[in-house]
């Protein structure tokens, strides 16, 4: 051993033995997480300040709730309802992860919700939203509406009600993603960046290895639902993680299992990947990069109060996240309005030929419920959406049924009421108008299943229909 190397080794050994060397976790610039502990005086064992397990637990709760919503047998089912409510409002440590679960060689690391955190959904549903939900029949808060959907789902056969056209697994999932994940991140955490809220020179709570600002930012990222390594993936590959297609793509650390905390994709991150697949948009990486850059900025303060300049820059990252996240939801609503249009076109042809519309009507109800759920989600940011009233009017409380009526409200006993008289063709016009409204407001780029070019021919085919002009 050369004298230089020998001296270096001895010096390092001395430094370690005397506590002179401080080991810190360095964050990968292309990966979210593993940020160093910056809390002044922290004496615990944590090697990183990154923490968003509670948010991932809520993704798992909503995923599992969606699965349960499709288990009904068409009759009142108190046992199923109780189980669904346990995933919505309970904190029982015995709740298993119903989705996602291991599939073939795509092995999942965790099996219980409590492997991540003991959380519920109800406590966060629409936390920043005041008043009743205007986009849903009847009256009630966001958590009331979700509980109402759960009750109805428990009695619907495989989650679908042919009398209303409602597909409850889709309604619960898509609205829940907005009312809980989007609302909490965009309507709460990313608005709490002022100096006096959860300051960066103090731990988030006593004994925590993360500062107030570090944890607020992590929680917002967790609600987006992106895998920590998503910047290294193509949009199609990121989307396929949710489909459990290739463990090599998901398993970033190569340990042979998929960690639901950092390696799975959820919620709006999955829909961002879906929109980005065609190469017209870059929502997924734009949002994730803003989260990574914002977290790096907070860590760079090394446990000190963020300066005004740092907070201004952080708010800029938050604006990028909020603007693009909103567009992701609008793109999804646009997509399903287009699919609903296509379903109506098929249904119209089947009805005109006196064919069996059972299967086509169920597909229509599914796509309509996805559109409706995303349209409702757009109204959960905590800020007023200026197109909300028109959007809700065009879509209605329910899809137009084969007899021309729609859900119009809820009676005193909690039963849906129906009324109106509108043709399937007229409602097709409404779907085009929904797409035009969303595009005009948000300047969409992906625009999957774009039906707006069909307006002129459709109007000619319908003739001078009064209801088609009724917005």
Protein backbone atom coordinates (compact mmCIF):
# COMPACT_ATOMS: atom_id res chain seq x y z
CA UNK A 1 0.00 0.00 0.00
CA UNK A 2 1.42 3.38 -0.99
CA UNK A 3 2.12 5.94 1.79
CA UNK A 4 -0.57 8.26 0.35
CA UNK A 5 -3.26 5.58 0.27
CA UNK A 6 -2.21 4.29 3.70
CA UNK A 7 -2.46 7.78 5.18
CA UNK A 8 -5.87 8.33 3.57
CA UNK A 9 -7.24 5.03 4.91
CA UNK A 10 -5.93 5.73 8.40
CA UNK A 11 -7.35 9.24 8.34
CA UNK A 12 -10.78 7.95 7.28
CA UNK A 13 -10.72 5.28 9.99
CA UNK A 14 -9.85 7.90 12.58
CA UNK A 15 -12.60 10.18 11.33
CA UNK A 16 -15.20 7.41 11.56
CA UNK A 17 -14.08 6.36 15.05
CA UNK A 18 -14.23 9.92 16.36
CA UNK A 19 -17.57 10.72 14.69
CA UNK A 20 -16.06 13.28 12.33
CA UNK A 21 -17.69 11.78 9.22
CA UNK A 22 -21.40 12.57 8.68
CA UNK A 23 -23.16 10.20 6.32
CA UNK A 24 -25.99 11.77 4.32
CA UNK A 25 -28.30 10.43 1.66
CA UNK A 26 -27.85 12.03 -1.70
CA UNK A 27 -30.94 12.35 -3.89
CA UNK A 28 -30.77 11.17 -7.50
CA UNK A 29 -31.57 14.21 -9.66
CA UNK A 30 -33.84 12.04 -11.82
CA UNK A 31 -35.67 10.30 -8.97
CA UNK A 32 -38.03 11.61 -6.31
CA UNK A 33 -36.95 10.84 -2.78
CA UNK A 34 -33.96 9.87 -0.66
CA UNK A 35 -33.55 13.52 0.25
CA UNK A 36 -31.10 14.10 3.12
CA UNK A 37 -32.22 14.79 6.69
CA UNK A 38 -31.85 18.54 7.28
CA UNK A 39 -33.74 18.94 10.58
CA UNK A 40 -31.47 20.70 13.05
CA UNK A 41 -30.58 18.51 16.02
CA UNK A 42 -32.31 15.38 14.69
CA UNK A 43 -31.16 12.38 16.76
CA UNK A 44 -33.15 9.52 15.21
CA UNK A 45 -32.21 6.68 12.88
CA UNK A 46 -33.82 7.94 9.65
CA UNK A 47 -31.45 8.20 6.69
CA UNK A 48 -33.84 10.22 4.50
CA UNK A 49 -36.36 12.99 5.06
CA UNK A 50 -38.66 11.80 2.25
CA UNK A 51 -42.01 10.51 3.53
CA UNK A 52 -45.38 10.06 1.79
CA UNK A 53 -46.57 6.60 2.83
CA UNK A 54 -49.89 7.94 4.10
CA UNK A 55 -50.74 9.28 0.66
CA UNK A 56 -49.91 5.97 -1.03
CA UNK A 57 -52.07 4.20 1.56
CA UNK A 58 -55.00 6.34 0.39
CA UNK A 59 -54.35 5.39 -3.25
CA UNK A 60 -54.50 1.75 -2.17
CA UNK A 61 -57.73 2.37 -0.25
CA UNK A 62 -59.37 3.98 -3.27
CA UNK A 63 -58.11 1.25 -5.64
CA UNK A 64 -59.47 -1.39 -3.27
CA UNK A 65 -62.77 0.46 -2.86
CA UNK A 66 -63.18 0.51 -6.63
CA UNK A 67 -62.74 -3.26 -6.76
CA UNK A 68 -65.29 -3.77 -3.99
CA UNK A 69 -67.77 -1.47 -5.78
CA UNK A 70 -68.01 -4.05 -8.55
CA UNK A 71 -68.83 -6.99 -6.25
CA UNK A 72 -72.57 -6.42 -5.77
CA UNK A 73 -75.19 -9.03 -6.72
CA UNK A 74 -78.06 -6.69 -7.56
CA UNK A 75 -79.68 -6.87 -4.13
CA UNK A 76 -79.14 -4.95 -0.86
CA UNK A 77 -75.92 -6.28 0.62
CA UNK A 78 -75.19 -4.95 4.14
CA UNK A 79 -72.02 -7.03 4.44
CA UNK A 80 -70.53 -5.61 1.25
CA UNK A 81 -71.55 -2.10 2.20
CA UNK A 82 -69.90 -2.45 5.62
CA UNK A 83 -66.69 -3.70 4.01
CA UNK A 84 -66.68 -0.81 1.54
CA UNK A 85 -67.26 1.68 4.34
CA UNK A 86 -64.35 0.20 6.28
CA UNK A 87 -62.08 1.16 3.36
CA UNK A 88 -63.71 4.58 3.15
CA UNK A 89 -63.92 5.66 6.77
CA UNK A 90 -62.15 3.02 8.89
CA UNK A 91 -58.59 2.60 10.13
CA UNK A 92 -58.68 -1.13 10.76
CA UNK A 93 -55.18 -2.62 10.63
CA UNK A 94 -56.56 -5.86 9.16
CA UNK A 95 -57.63 -4.37 5.81
CA UNK A 96 -55.91 -6.19 2.97
CA UNK A 97 -54.77 -4.48 -0.23
CA UNK A 98 -57.36 -5.66 -2.74
CA UNK A 99 -55.73 -3.78 -5.59
CA UNK A 100 -53.01 -4.03 -6.72
CA UNK A 101 -52.08 -7.62 -5.85
CA UNK A 102 -49.42 -9.98 -7.18
CA UNK A 103 -50.09 -11.17 -10.73
CA UNK A 104 -47.83 -13.94 -12.05
CA UNK A 105 -44.21 -12.85 -11.86
CA UNK A 106 -45.29 -9.28 -11.11
CA UNK A 107 -44.85 -9.69 -7.37
CA UNK A 108 -46.11 -7.03 -4.96
CA UNK A 109 -44.15 -6.36 -1.78
CA UNK A 110 -47.00 -5.26 0.52
CA UNK A 111 -50.24 -7.10 1.32
CA UNK A 112 -51.92 -4.93 3.98
CA UNK A 113 -52.94 -1.25 3.97
CA UNK A 114 -51.21 -0.97 7.34
CA UNK A 115 -47.92 -1.98 5.70
CA UNK A 116 -47.92 1.62 4.47
CA UNK A 117 -50.05 3.50 7.04
CA UNK A 118 -53.34 3.29 8.95
CA UNK A 119 -55.41 5.89 7.11
CA UNK A 120 -58.91 6.41 5.73
CA UNK A 121 -60.44 8.35 2.84
CA UNK A 122 -63.36 10.12 4.47
CA UNK A 123 -61.23 12.45 6.56
CA UNK A 124 -59.65 13.95 3.45
CA UNK A 125 -62.60 13.89 1.03
CA UNK A 126 -63.23 17.43 -0.18
CA UNK A 127 -61.51 18.94 2.84
CA UNK A 128 -61.16 22.36 1.19
CA UNK A 129 -64.58 22.35 -0.53
CA UNK A 130 -67.41 24.32 1.05
CA UNK A 131 -71.11 23.68 0.45
CA UNK A 132 -72.98 20.94 -1.36
CA UNK A 133 -71.69 19.13 -4.45
CA UNK A 134 -73.53 20.86 -7.30
CA UNK A 135 -72.60 18.27 -9.91
CA UNK A 136 -74.43 15.41 -8.17
CA UNK A 137 -78.20 14.97 -7.63
CA UNK A 138 -79.53 15.70 -4.17
CA UNK A 139 -77.49 17.59 -1.63
CA UNK A 140 -74.51 16.84 0.53
CA UNK A 141 -70.79 17.33 1.09
CA UNK A 142 -68.09 15.49 -0.83
CA UNK A 143 -67.87 12.74 1.79
CA UNK A 144 -71.69 12.50 1.83
CA UNK A 145 -71.72 11.99 -1.94
CA UNK A 146 -69.05 9.30 -1.78
CA UNK A 147 -70.90 7.49 1.01
CA UNK A 148 -74.11 7.71 -1.07
CA UNK A 149 -72.31 6.20 -4.07
CA UNK A 150 -70.96 3.40 -1.87
CA UNK A 151 -74.45 2.61 -0.60
CA UNK A 152 -75.85 2.41 -4.13
CA UNK A 153 -72.86 0.40 -5.39
CA UNK A 154 -73.39 -2.26 -2.73
CA UNK A 155 -76.83 -2.98 -4.19
CA UNK A 156 -75.93 -2.79 -7.89
CA UNK A 157 -75.07 -5.91 -9.87
CA UNK A 158 -71.32 -5.77 -10.51
CA UNK A 159 -71.52 -2.06 -9.77
CA UNK A 160 -73.76 -1.14 -12.71
CA UNK A 161 -77.32 0.19 -12.44
CA UNK A 162 -79.15 -0.07 -15.80
CA UNK A 163 -82.03 2.07 -14.48
CA UNK A 164 -79.77 5.12 -14.19
CA UNK A 165 -76.80 4.18 -16.37
CA UNK A 166 -74.44 4.64 -13.42
CA UNK A 167 -71.25 2.56 -13.22
CA UNK A 168 -70.31 2.99 -9.56
CA UNK A 169 -66.74 1.62 -9.62
CA UNK A 170 -65.91 4.32 -12.20
CA UNK A 171 -67.83 7.10 -10.45
CA UNK A 172 -66.28 6.34 -7.07
CA UNK A 173 -62.78 5.98 -8.50
CA UNK A 174 -62.71 9.03 -10.77
CA UNK A 175 -64.50 11.36 -8.38
CA UNK A 176 -62.47 10.06 -5.43
CA UNK A 177 -59.21 10.75 -7.26
CA UNK A 178 -60.31 14.36 -7.53
CA UNK A 179 -62.07 14.80 -4.21
CA UNK A 180 -59.21 13.29 -2.20
CA UNK A 181 -55.90 13.26 -4.10
CA UNK A 182 -56.28 16.35 -6.31
CA UNK A 183 -58.13 18.33 -3.67
CA UNK A 184 -55.56 17.66 -0.97
CA UNK A 185 -52.50 18.31 -3.15
CA UNK A 186 -53.66 21.24 -5.27
CA UNK A 187 -56.33 22.69 -3.00
CA UNK A 188 -54.36 22.38 0.23
CA UNK A 189 -50.68 21.43 0.41
CA UNK A 190 -49.47 23.37 -2.62
CA UNK A 191 -51.25 26.48 -1.30
CA UNK A 192 -49.45 26.27 2.06
CA UNK A 193 -46.04 27.57 1.02
CA UNK A 194 -45.99 30.81 3.01
CA UNK A 195 -43.29 31.19 5.64
CA UNK A 196 -45.54 30.81 8.68
CA UNK A 197 -47.17 27.50 7.68
CA UNK A 198 -45.11 24.43 8.57
CA UNK A 199 -41.83 26.39 8.50
CA UNK A 200 -38.66 24.82 7.18
CA UNK A 201 -36.57 25.57 10.28
CA UNK A 202 -38.65 23.22 12.46
CA UNK A 203 -39.57 19.54 12.24
CA UNK A 204 -43.06 18.82 10.87
CA UNK A 205 -43.82 17.40 14.30
CA UNK A 206 -41.70 16.56 17.33
CA UNK A 207 -39.08 13.94 16.53
CA UNK A 208 -39.81 13.88 12.78
CA UNK A 209 -36.80 13.55 10.41
CA UNK A 210 -38.34 16.04 8.00
CA UNK A 211 -39.05 19.77 8.20
CA UNK A 212 -42.50 21.28 7.81
CA UNK A 213 -41.94 22.35 4.20
CA UNK A 214 -40.25 19.08 3.25
CA UNK A 215 -43.21 17.01 4.40
CA UNK A 216 -45.87 19.31 2.93
CA UNK A 217 -44.16 18.96 -0.47
CA UNK A 218 -43.76 15.18 -0.11
CA UNK A 219 -47.44 14.74 0.72
CA UNK A 220 -48.47 16.64 -2.41
CA UNK A 221 -46.16 14.45 -4.52
CA UNK A 222 -47.57 11.30 -2.95
CA UNK A 223 -51.08 12.27 -3.96
CA UNK A 224 -50.03 12.66 -7.62
CA UNK A 225 -49.27 8.94 -7.72
CA UNK A 226 -46.08 8.73 -9.81
CA UNK A 227 -43.39 6.08 -9.24
CA UNK A 228 -40.27 7.69 -7.81
CA UNK A 229 -38.24 6.65 -10.89
CA UNK A 230 -40.81 7.73 -13.49
CA UNK A 231 -38.47 10.29 -15.11
CA UNK A 232 -36.49 7.33 -16.46
CA UNK A 233 -39.53 5.76 -18.14
CA UNK A 234 -41.46 6.22 -21.37
CA UNK A 235 -45.13 7.18 -20.86
CA UNK A 236 -46.36 3.83 -22.21
CA UNK A 237 -44.02 1.96 -19.84
CA UNK A 238 -45.19 4.04 -16.89
CA UNK A 239 -48.80 3.31 -17.79
CA UNK A 240 -48.05 -0.40 -18.06
CA UNK A 241 -46.79 -0.53 -14.47
CA UNK A 242 -50.40 -0.05 -13.38
CA UNK A 243 -51.39 -2.92 -15.67
CA UNK A 244 -48.72 -5.13 -14.04
CA UNK A 245 -47.23 -5.99 -17.44
CA UNK A 246 -43.46 -5.87 -16.85
CA UNK A 247 -41.82 -6.17 -13.44
CA UNK A 248 -38.45 -5.10 -14.88
CA UNK A 249 -39.88 -1.65 -15.60
CA UNK A 250 -41.49 -1.30 -12.19
CA UNK A 251 -38.77 -2.86 -10.04
CA UNK A 252 -36.36 0.07 -9.94
CA UNK A 253 -34.12 -1.33 -7.18
CA UNK A 254 -33.99 -4.83 -8.65
CA UNK A 255 -35.06 -6.69 -5.51
CA UNK A 256 -37.57 -8.85 -7.39
CA UNK A 257 -40.74 -7.27 -5.98
CA UNK A 258 -42.70 -4.09 -6.66
CA UNK A 259 -42.77 -1.70 -3.71
CA UNK A 260 -46.19 -0.03 -3.69
CA UNK A 261 -44.65 2.93 -1.88
CA UNK A 262 -42.19 4.02 -4.57
CA UNK A 263 -42.50 1.74 -7.62
CA UNK A 264 -46.22 1.67 -8.50
CA UNK A 265 -48.23 4.22 -10.51
CA UNK A 266 -51.63 5.51 -9.37
CA UNK A 267 -54.42 7.95 -10.03
CA UNK A 268 -53.74 11.04 -12.13
CA UNK A 269 -50.10 10.10 -12.78
CA UNK A 270 -51.44 7.10 -14.70
CA UNK A 271 -53.78 9.32 -16.72
CA UNK A 272 -50.94 11.75 -17.41
CA UNK A 273 -48.96 8.82 -18.84
CA UNK A 274 -51.98 7.78 -20.91
CA UNK A 275 -52.34 11.27 -22.37
CA UNK A 276 -48.59 11.48 -23.09
CA UNK A 277 -48.36 8.19 -25.02
CA UNK A 278 -49.06 9.84 -28.38
CA UNK A 279 -46.22 12.33 -27.92
CA UNK A 280 -48.37 15.46 -28.08
CA UNK A 281 -48.02 16.24 -24.38
CA UNK A 282 -45.50 15.78 -21.56
CA UNK A 283 -47.70 16.14 -18.48
CA UNK A 284 -46.21 13.28 -16.46
CA UNK A 285 -42.60 14.40 -16.58
CA UNK A 286 -43.41 18.12 -16.43
CA UNK A 287 -45.28 17.61 -13.17
CA UNK A 288 -42.77 15.15 -11.71
CA UNK A 289 -39.80 17.35 -12.63
CA UNK A 290 -41.42 20.32 -10.89
CA UNK A 291 -41.89 18.15 -7.80
CA UNK A 292 -38.25 16.99 -7.91
CA UNK A 293 -36.91 20.51 -8.43
CA UNK A 294 -39.09 21.89 -5.67
CA UNK A 295 -37.95 19.21 -3.22
CA UNK A 296 -34.31 19.85 -4.11
CA UNK A 297 -34.80 23.54 -3.47
CA UNK A 298 -36.28 22.88 -0.02
CA UNK A 299 -33.46 20.48 0.88
CA UNK A 300 -30.87 23.04 -0.22
CA UNK A 301 -31.99 25.33 2.60
CA UNK A 302 -30.45 22.79 5.01
CA UNK A 303 -33.09 23.14 7.67
CA UNK A 304 -33.13 26.92 7.66
CA UNK A 305 -36.14 29.15 6.95
CA UNK A 306 -36.75 29.50 3.23
CA UNK A 307 -35.94 32.96 1.92
CA UNK A 308 -38.55 35.02 0.10
CA UNK A 309 -36.74 34.29 -3.17
CA UNK A 310 -36.71 30.54 -2.47
CA UNK A 311 -40.40 30.50 -1.61
CA UNK A 312 -41.23 32.49 -4.74
CA UNK A 313 -39.37 29.91 -6.81
CA UNK A 314 -41.13 27.10 -4.94
CA UNK A 315 -44.50 28.67 -5.67
CA UNK A 316 -43.51 28.77 -9.33
CA UNK A 317 -42.94 25.01 -9.27
CA UNK A 318 -46.31 24.61 -7.52
CA UNK A 319 -48.02 26.61 -10.27
CA UNK A 320 -46.51 24.34 -12.93
CA UNK A 321 -47.81 21.31 -11.05
CA UNK A 322 -51.30 22.71 -10.51
CA UNK A 323 -51.74 23.95 -14.09
CA UNK A 324 -50.63 20.68 -15.68
CA UNK A 325 -52.45 18.47 -13.18
CA UNK A 326 -55.70 20.28 -13.95
CA UNK A 327 -55.10 19.71 -17.65
CA UNK A 328 -54.55 15.98 -17.05
CA UNK A 329 -58.03 15.73 -15.50
CA UNK A 330 -59.55 17.85 -18.28
CA UNK A 331 -57.89 15.65 -20.91
CA UNK A 332 -59.41 12.57 -19.27
CA UNK A 333 -62.88 14.14 -19.19
CA UNK A 334 -62.43 15.10 -22.87
CA UNK A 335 -61.38 11.55 -23.77
CA UNK A 336 -64.37 9.92 -22.11
CA UNK A 337 -66.79 12.48 -23.56
CA UNK A 338 -65.49 11.30 -26.94
CA UNK A 339 -65.90 7.64 -26.02
CA UNK A 340 -69.41 8.39 -24.76
CA UNK A 341 -70.15 10.02 -28.12
CA UNK A 342 -68.93 6.89 -29.92
CA UNK A 343 -71.06 4.69 -27.65
CA UNK A 344 -74.14 6.81 -28.36
CA UNK A 345 -73.51 6.45 -32.08
CA UNK A 346 -73.45 2.64 -31.72
CA UNK A 347 -76.50 2.62 -29.48
CA UNK A 348 -78.42 4.80 -31.89
CA UNK A 349 -77.78 2.30 -34.68
CA UNK A 350 -78.77 -0.69 -32.51
CA UNK A 351 -82.01 0.97 -31.38
CA UNK A 352 -82.94 1.93 -34.94
CA UNK A 353 -82.57 -1.74 -35.95
CA UNK A 354 -84.43 -3.00 -32.84
CA UNK A 355 -81.32 -4.91 -31.76
CA UNK A 356 -80.16 -6.01 -28.31
CA UNK A 357 -78.55 -2.96 -26.71
CA UNK A 358 -77.74 -4.55 -23.32
CA UNK A 359 -73.97 -4.85 -23.75
CA UNK A 360 -73.58 -1.56 -25.64
CA UNK A 361 -75.61 0.28 -22.99
CA UNK A 362 -73.37 -1.06 -20.21
CA UNK A 363 -70.29 0.16 -22.10
CA UNK A 364 -71.96 3.53 -22.57
CA UNK A 365 -72.68 3.70 -18.84
CA UNK A 366 -69.04 2.91 -18.04
CA UNK A 367 -67.61 5.60 -20.29
CA UNK A 368 -70.23 8.13 -19.22
CA UNK A 369 -69.42 7.46 -15.55
CA UNK A 370 -65.71 7.97 -16.21
CA UNK A 371 -66.44 11.28 -17.95
CA UNK A 372 -68.79 12.34 -15.16
CA UNK A 373 -66.31 11.39 -12.45
CA UNK A 374 -63.52 13.41 -14.07
CA UNK A 375 -65.86 16.36 -14.71
CA UNK A 376 -66.81 16.30 -11.04
CA UNK A 377 -63.12 16.00 -10.11
CA UNK A 378 -62.32 19.19 -12.02
CA UNK A 379 -64.51 21.00 -9.50
CA UNK A 380 -62.57 19.80 -6.44
CA UNK A 381 -59.46 21.99 -6.52
CA UNK A 382 -60.83 24.26 -3.81
CA UNK A 383 -61.10 27.13 -6.30
CA UNK A 384 -64.18 28.01 -8.33
CA UNK A 385 -64.28 26.60 -11.86
CA UNK A 386 -65.95 29.17 -14.10
CA UNK A 387 -67.23 26.59 -16.60
CA UNK A 388 -68.69 24.30 -13.92
CA UNK A 389 -72.33 25.29 -14.34
CA UNK A 390 -72.28 24.87 -18.11
CA UNK A 391 -70.30 21.63 -17.88
CA UNK A 392 -72.77 20.15 -15.39
CA UNK A 393 -75.71 21.28 -17.52
CA UNK A 394 -74.36 19.65 -20.69
CA UNK A 395 -73.58 16.35 -18.97
CA UNK A 396 -76.57 16.27 -16.64
CA UNK A 397 -76.95 14.17 -13.51
CA UNK A 398 -77.06 10.99 -15.54
CA UNK A 399 -76.67 9.70 -19.10
CA UNK A 400 -79.64 9.95 -21.45
CA UNK A 401 -81.39 6.58 -21.25
CA UNK A 402 -82.82 4.64 -24.19
CA UNK A 403 -86.26 6.06 -23.43
CA UNK A 404 -84.95 9.63 -23.56
CA UNK A 405 -85.04 10.44 -19.85
CA UNK A 406 -82.24 11.16 -17.36
CA UNK A 407 -81.73 11.23 -13.61
CA UNK A 408 -83.10 14.56 -12.38
CA UNK A 409 -82.72 14.30 -8.62
CA UNK A 410 -83.10 12.25 -5.45
CA UNK A 411 -86.32 11.93 -3.45
CA UNK A 412 -86.73 12.00 0.34
CA UNK A 413 -86.13 8.25 0.55
CA UNK A 414 -82.83 8.44 -1.35
CA UNK A 415 -84.24 7.08 -4.59
CA UNK A 416 -83.31 8.61 -7.93
CA UNK A 417 -85.96 10.47 -9.89
CA UNK A 418 -85.91 10.67 -13.68
CA UNK A 419 -87.48 12.93 -16.26
CA UNK A 420 -86.97 14.86 -19.47
CA UNK A 421 -87.10 13.78 -23.06
CA UNK A 422 -83.96 13.94 -25.17
CA UNK A 423 -82.85 11.79 -28.06
CA UNK A 424 -79.56 9.92 -28.16
CA UNK A 425 -78.58 12.06 -31.14
CA UNK A 426 -79.23 15.27 -29.23
CA UNK A 427 -77.07 14.02 -26.36
CA UNK A 428 -74.29 13.29 -28.85
CA UNK A 429 -74.29 17.02 -29.58
CA UNK A 430 -73.89 17.65 -25.87
CA UNK A 431 -70.81 15.42 -25.78
CA UNK A 432 -69.20 17.43 -28.58
CA UNK A 433 -70.03 20.62 -26.72
CA UNK A 434 -68.43 19.18 -23.57
CA UNK A 435 -65.23 18.57 -25.54
CA UNK A 436 -65.29 22.08 -27.02
CA UNK A 437 -65.93 23.61 -23.60
CA UNK A 438 -63.00 21.76 -22.02
CA UNK A 439 -60.64 22.53 -24.88
CA UNK A 440 -61.62 26.20 -24.88
CA UNK A 441 -60.97 26.49 -21.17
CA UNK A 442 -57.77 24.46 -20.81
CA UNK A 443 -56.14 24.53 -24.27
CA UNK A 444 -55.83 20.75 -24.49
CA UNK A 445 -53.26 19.01 -26.69
CA UNK A 446 -53.73 15.25 -26.38
CA UNK A 447 -57.47 15.35 -27.15
CA UNK A 448 -58.00 11.59 -27.34
CA UNK A 449 -61.23 10.48 -29.04
CA UNK A 450 -61.80 13.95 -30.46
CA UNK A 451 -65.36 14.13 -31.84
CA UNK A 452 -65.53 17.89 -32.38
CA UNK A 453 -65.08 17.55 -36.14
CA UNK A 454 -68.39 15.68 -36.33
CA UNK A 455 -70.57 18.58 -35.21
CA UNK A 456 -71.61 19.91 -38.62
CA UNK A 457 -72.61 16.53 -40.08
CA UNK A 458 -74.36 15.52 -36.87
CA UNK A 459 -76.41 18.71 -36.80
CA UNK A 460 -77.44 18.16 -40.42
CA UNK A 461 -78.50 14.60 -39.61
CA UNK A 462 -80.54 15.74 -36.62
CA UNK A 463 -82.19 18.60 -38.47
CA UNK A 464 -83.78 21.44 -36.56
CA UNK A 465 -83.84 19.67 -33.21
CA UNK A 466 -84.79 22.01 -30.40
CA UNK A 467 -83.17 19.95 -27.68
CA UNK A 468 -79.88 19.72 -29.54
CA UNK A 469 -79.56 23.47 -29.20
CA UNK A 470 -80.45 23.37 -25.51
CA UNK A 471 -77.30 23.86 -23.45
